[in-house]
Amino acid sequence: MDSHLLLEIYNKQAKMIYFYLKKNGCSHEDAEDIVQESYTKFIAYSSGVPSEKALSYIFAIAMNEFKKRLKKKGIERAISDDARYVLSL
């Protein structure tokens, strides 16, 4: 994947994902870690993802990481179902 495209995606989506995680009760440190992990995983597996689906793919990775952390901590919380609005911004 082109590094300029990746930087554009990061600038567009990272803050949005961070604030969405914070809104759903994620701590500052966990939210930053999840955003970093999401982009790291995206870079590792981006060859199979079309560029027009990159934003939603990264968001999905972030939500799955958040759910994993909640599960590890023994917290059961429903994540708001307004993810489609976040993706459309």
N, C-alpha and C. Protein backbone atom coordinates (compact mmCIF):
# COMPACT_ATOMS: atom_id res chain seq x y z
N MET A 1 0.85 -1.18 0.00
CA MET A 1 0.00 0.00 0.00
C MET A 1 0.89 1.23 0.00
N ASP A 2 0.45 2.25 -0.70
CA ASP A 2 1.18 3.50 -0.81
C ASP A 2 1.26 4.19 0.54
N SER A 3 2.44 4.68 0.91
CA SER A 3 2.63 5.31 2.22
C SER A 3 1.83 6.61 2.33
N HIS A 4 1.64 7.32 1.22
CA HIS A 4 0.84 8.54 1.26
C HIS A 4 -0.62 8.24 1.55
N LEU A 5 -1.12 7.17 0.98
CA LEU A 5 -2.50 6.76 1.23
C LEU A 5 -2.66 6.34 2.69
N LEU A 6 -1.70 5.62 3.21
CA LEU A 6 -1.75 5.19 4.61
C LEU A 6 -1.71 6.39 5.55
N LEU A 7 -0.87 7.36 5.26
CA LEU A 7 -0.81 8.57 6.10
C LEU A 7 -2.12 9.34 6.03
N GLU A 8 -2.70 9.42 4.86
CA GLU A 8 -3.99 10.10 4.70
C GLU A 8 -5.08 9.39 5.50
N ILE A 9 -5.08 8.08 5.42
CA ILE A 9 -6.06 7.29 6.18
C ILE A 9 -5.86 7.51 7.68
N TYR A 10 -4.60 7.49 8.12
CA TYR A 10 -4.31 7.69 9.54
C TYR A 10 -4.79 9.05 10.00
N ASN A 11 -4.46 10.10 9.25
CA ASN A 11 -4.87 11.45 9.63
C ASN A 11 -6.38 11.61 9.65
N LYS A 12 -7.06 10.90 8.78
CA LYS A 12 -8.50 11.00 8.67
C LYS A 12 -9.22 10.22 9.78
N GLN A 13 -8.70 9.08 10.16
CA GLN A 13 -9.45 8.15 10.97
C GLN A 13 -8.95 7.99 12.41
N ALA A 14 -7.68 8.20 12.69
CA ALA A 14 -7.11 7.88 14.00
C ALA A 14 -7.80 8.63 15.14
N LYS A 15 -7.98 9.92 14.99
CA LYS A 15 -8.63 10.70 16.05
C LYS A 15 -10.09 10.28 16.23
N MET A 16 -10.73 10.00 15.11
CA MET A 16 -12.13 9.58 15.16
C MET A 16 -12.27 8.27 15.94
N ILE A 17 -11.39 7.31 15.67
CA ILE A 17 -11.43 6.03 16.38
C ILE A 17 -11.11 6.24 17.85
N TYR A 18 -10.10 7.06 18.13
CA TYR A 18 -9.71 7.34 19.51
C TYR A 18 -10.89 7.90 20.30
N PHE A 19 -11.55 8.92 19.78
CA PHE A 19 -12.65 9.54 20.49
C PHE A 19 -13.87 8.61 20.60
N TYR A 20 -14.06 7.78 19.60
CA TYR A 20 -15.16 6.81 19.66
C TYR A 20 -14.90 5.81 20.79
N LEU A 21 -13.66 5.35 20.92
CA LEU A 21 -13.31 4.42 22.00
C LEU A 21 -13.48 5.09 23.36
N LYS A 22 -13.03 6.34 23.47
CA LYS A 22 -13.19 7.08 24.73
C LYS A 22 -14.67 7.24 25.08
N LYS A 23 -15.48 7.52 24.09
CA LYS A 23 -16.92 7.69 24.30
C LYS A 23 -17.55 6.41 24.85
N ASN A 24 -17.00 5.28 24.47
CA ASN A 24 -17.53 4.00 24.92
C ASN A 24 -16.86 3.48 26.19
N GLY A 25 -16.11 4.34 26.87
CA GLY A 25 -15.58 3.97 28.17
C GLY A 25 -14.16 3.46 28.20
N CYS A 26 -13.46 3.57 27.12
CA CYS A 26 -12.07 3.10 27.04
C CYS A 26 -11.16 4.16 27.68
N SER A 27 -10.14 3.71 28.40
CA SER A 27 -9.21 4.66 29.01
C SER A 27 -8.33 5.30 27.93
N HIS A 28 -7.71 6.39 28.28
CA HIS A 28 -6.83 7.11 27.35
C HIS A 28 -5.72 6.21 26.82
N GLU A 29 -5.05 5.51 27.73
CA GLU A 29 -3.93 4.65 27.35
C GLU A 29 -4.39 3.50 26.46
N ASP A 30 -5.50 2.86 26.85
CA ASP A 30 -6.02 1.75 26.06
C ASP A 30 -6.45 2.22 24.67
N ALA A 31 -7.08 3.38 24.60
CA ALA A 31 -7.54 3.91 23.31
C ALA A 31 -6.35 4.17 22.39
N GLU A 32 -5.29 4.77 22.93
CA GLU A 32 -4.09 5.01 22.11
C GLU A 32 -3.48 3.69 21.64
N ASP A 33 -3.40 2.72 22.55
CA ASP A 33 -2.83 1.42 22.19
C ASP A 33 -3.66 0.72 21.12
N ILE A 34 -4.96 0.79 21.25
CA ILE A 34 -5.84 0.13 20.29
C ILE A 34 -5.69 0.77 18.90
N VAL A 35 -5.62 2.09 18.85
CA VAL A 35 -5.44 2.77 17.56
C VAL A 35 -4.12 2.34 16.93
N GLN A 36 -3.05 2.30 17.73
CA GLN A 36 -1.76 1.87 17.19
C GLN A 36 -1.80 0.42 16.71
N GLU A 37 -2.38 -0.45 17.51
CA GLU A 37 -2.47 -1.86 17.13
C GLU A 37 -3.29 -2.04 15.86
N SER A 38 -4.35 -1.27 15.73
CA SER A 38 -5.20 -1.37 14.56
C SER A 38 -4.44 -1.03 13.29
N TYR A 39 -3.68 0.05 13.32
CA TYR A 39 -2.91 0.44 12.15
C TYR A 39 -1.76 -0.52 11.88
N THR A 40 -1.17 -1.06 12.93
CA THR A 40 -0.11 -2.06 12.75
C THR A 40 -0.66 -3.30 12.08
N LYS A 41 -1.82 -3.76 12.53
CA LYS A 41 -2.44 -4.94 11.91
C LYS A 41 -2.87 -4.64 10.49
N PHE A 42 -3.36 -3.43 10.26
CA PHE A 42 -3.77 -3.07 8.91
C PHE A 42 -2.57 -3.10 7.96
N ILE A 43 -1.43 -2.55 8.40
CA ILE A 43 -0.23 -2.55 7.57
C ILE A 43 0.20 -3.97 7.26
N ALA A 44 0.11 -4.84 8.27
CA ALA A 44 0.54 -6.23 8.08
C ALA A 44 -0.36 -6.97 7.09
N TYR A 45 -1.66 -6.66 7.08
CA TYR A 45 -2.60 -7.42 6.25
C TYR A 45 -3.23 -6.59 5.15
N SER A 46 -2.68 -5.43 4.85
CA SER A 46 -3.32 -4.53 3.89
C SER A 46 -3.29 -5.03 2.45
N SER A 47 -2.46 -6.00 2.15
CA SER A 47 -2.38 -6.47 0.77
C SER A 47 -3.69 -7.09 0.31
N GLY A 48 -4.49 -7.62 1.21
CA GLY A 48 -5.74 -8.25 0.83
C GLY A 48 -6.95 -7.34 0.94
N VAL A 49 -6.72 -6.07 1.28
CA VAL A 49 -7.83 -5.13 1.50
C VAL A 49 -7.82 -4.07 0.41
N PRO A 50 -8.94 -3.91 -0.31
CA PRO A 50 -9.01 -2.84 -1.31
C PRO A 50 -8.93 -1.47 -0.63
N SER A 51 -8.30 -0.50 -1.28
CA SER A 51 -8.09 0.81 -0.66
C SER A 51 -9.38 1.53 -0.30
N GLU A 52 -10.47 1.27 -1.04
CA GLU A 52 -11.73 1.94 -0.71
C GLU A 52 -12.37 1.38 0.56
N LYS A 53 -11.91 0.23 1.02
CA LYS A 53 -12.45 -0.38 2.23
C LYS A 53 -11.50 -0.26 3.42
N ALA A 54 -10.42 0.46 3.25
CA ALA A 54 -9.39 0.55 4.28
C ALA A 54 -9.93 1.18 5.57
N LEU A 55 -10.69 2.26 5.47
CA LEU A 55 -11.20 2.94 6.67
C LEU A 55 -12.09 2.02 7.50
N SER A 56 -13.00 1.34 6.85
CA SER A 56 -13.90 0.46 7.59
C SER A 56 -13.17 -0.76 8.14
N TYR A 57 -12.14 -1.22 7.44
CA TYR A 57 -11.34 -2.35 7.90
C TYR A 57 -10.59 -1.97 9.18
N ILE A 58 -9.98 -0.80 9.20
CA ILE A 58 -9.26 -0.34 10.39
C ILE A 58 -10.22 -0.15 11.55
N PHE A 59 -11.38 0.42 11.28
CA PHE A 59 -12.37 0.62 12.34
C PHE A 59 -12.82 -0.72 12.92
N ALA A 60 -13.03 -1.69 12.07
CA ALA A 60 -13.44 -3.03 12.52
C ALA A 60 -12.35 -3.67 13.38
N ILE A 61 -11.10 -3.50 12.99
CA ILE A 61 -9.99 -4.03 13.79
C ILE A 61 -9.99 -3.37 15.17
N ALA A 62 -10.17 -2.05 15.20
CA ALA A 62 -10.17 -1.32 16.47
C ALA A 62 -11.30 -1.79 17.39
N MET A 63 -12.49 -1.98 16.83
CA MET A 63 -13.61 -2.43 17.65
C MET A 63 -13.37 -3.84 18.19
N ASN A 64 -12.79 -4.71 17.37
CA ASN A 64 -12.49 -6.06 17.83
C ASN A 64 -11.43 -6.04 18.94
N GLU A 65 -10.43 -5.18 18.81
CA GLU A 65 -9.41 -5.05 19.86
C GLU A 65 -10.03 -4.54 21.16
N PHE A 66 -10.94 -3.58 21.04
CA PHE A 66 -11.61 -3.04 22.22
C PHE A 66 -12.44 -4.12 22.92
N LYS A 67 -13.16 -4.89 22.14
CA LYS A 67 -13.97 -5.98 22.71
C LYS A 67 -13.09 -7.01 23.40
N LYS A 68 -11.92 -7.31 22.79
CA LYS A 68 -10.99 -8.26 23.41
C LYS A 68 -10.50 -7.75 24.75
N ARG A 69 -10.18 -6.46 24.82
CA ARG A 69 -9.70 -5.88 26.08
C ARG A 69 -10.78 -5.90 27.14
N LEU A 70 -12.01 -5.60 26.74
CA LEU A 70 -13.11 -5.64 27.70
C LEU A 70 -13.30 -7.06 28.23
N LYS A 71 -13.21 -8.01 27.34
CA LYS A 71 -13.39 -9.41 27.72
C LYS A 71 -12.28 -9.85 28.68
N LYS A 72 -11.04 -9.44 28.41
CA LYS A 72 -9.92 -9.77 29.28
C LYS A 72 -10.11 -9.19 30.67
N LYS A 73 -10.66 -7.99 30.73
CA LYS A 73 -10.87 -7.33 32.01
C LYS A 73 -12.14 -7.82 32.70
N GLY A 74 -12.91 -8.64 32.02
CA GLY A 74 -14.14 -9.16 32.59
C GLY A 74 -15.29 -8.18 32.57
N ILE A 75 -15.18 -7.21 31.72
CA ILE A 75 -16.23 -6.19 31.62
C ILE A 75 -17.11 -6.55 30.44
N GLU A 76 -18.38 -6.61 30.68
CA GLU A 76 -19.32 -6.83 29.59
C GLU A 76 -20.07 -5.54 29.36
N ARG A 77 -19.83 -4.95 28.21
CA ARG A 77 -20.46 -3.68 27.89
C ARG A 77 -20.85 -3.70 26.42
N ALA A 78 -21.99 -3.19 26.16
CA ALA A 78 -22.42 -3.11 24.77
C ALA A 78 -21.84 -1.85 24.15
N ILE A 79 -21.21 -2.01 23.02
CA ILE A 79 -20.67 -0.86 22.30
C ILE A 79 -21.82 -0.27 21.49
N SER A 80 -21.92 1.06 21.51
CA SER A 80 -23.01 1.70 20.78
C SER A 80 -23.01 1.26 19.33
N ASP A 81 -24.18 1.20 18.81
CA ASP A 81 -24.34 0.68 17.45
C ASP A 81 -24.34 1.80 16.42
N ASP A 82 -23.71 2.93 16.73
CA ASP A 82 -23.69 4.02 15.77
C ASP A 82 -22.37 4.06 15.01
N ALA A 83 -21.72 2.93 14.84
CA ALA A 83 -20.45 2.87 14.12
C ALA A 83 -20.62 3.30 12.67
N ARG A 84 -21.76 3.05 12.09
CA ARG A 84 -21.96 3.43 10.70
C ARG A 84 -21.90 4.94 10.53
N TYR A 85 -22.27 5.71 11.57
CA TYR A 85 -22.19 7.17 11.49
C TYR A 85 -20.74 7.61 11.57
N VAL A 86 -19.94 6.93 12.37
CA VAL A 86 -18.52 7.28 12.49
C VAL A 86 -17.83 7.07 11.16
N LEU A 87 -18.16 5.97 10.49
CA LEU A 87 -17.53 5.65 9.22
C LEU A 87 -17.92 6.62 8.12
N SER A 88 -19.08 7.24 8.23
CA SER A 88 -19.55 8.10 7.14
C SER A 88 -19.05 9.53 7.28
N LEU A 89 -18.40 9.87 8.38
CA LEU A 89 -17.92 11.25 8.56
C LEU A 89 -16.79 11.59 7.65
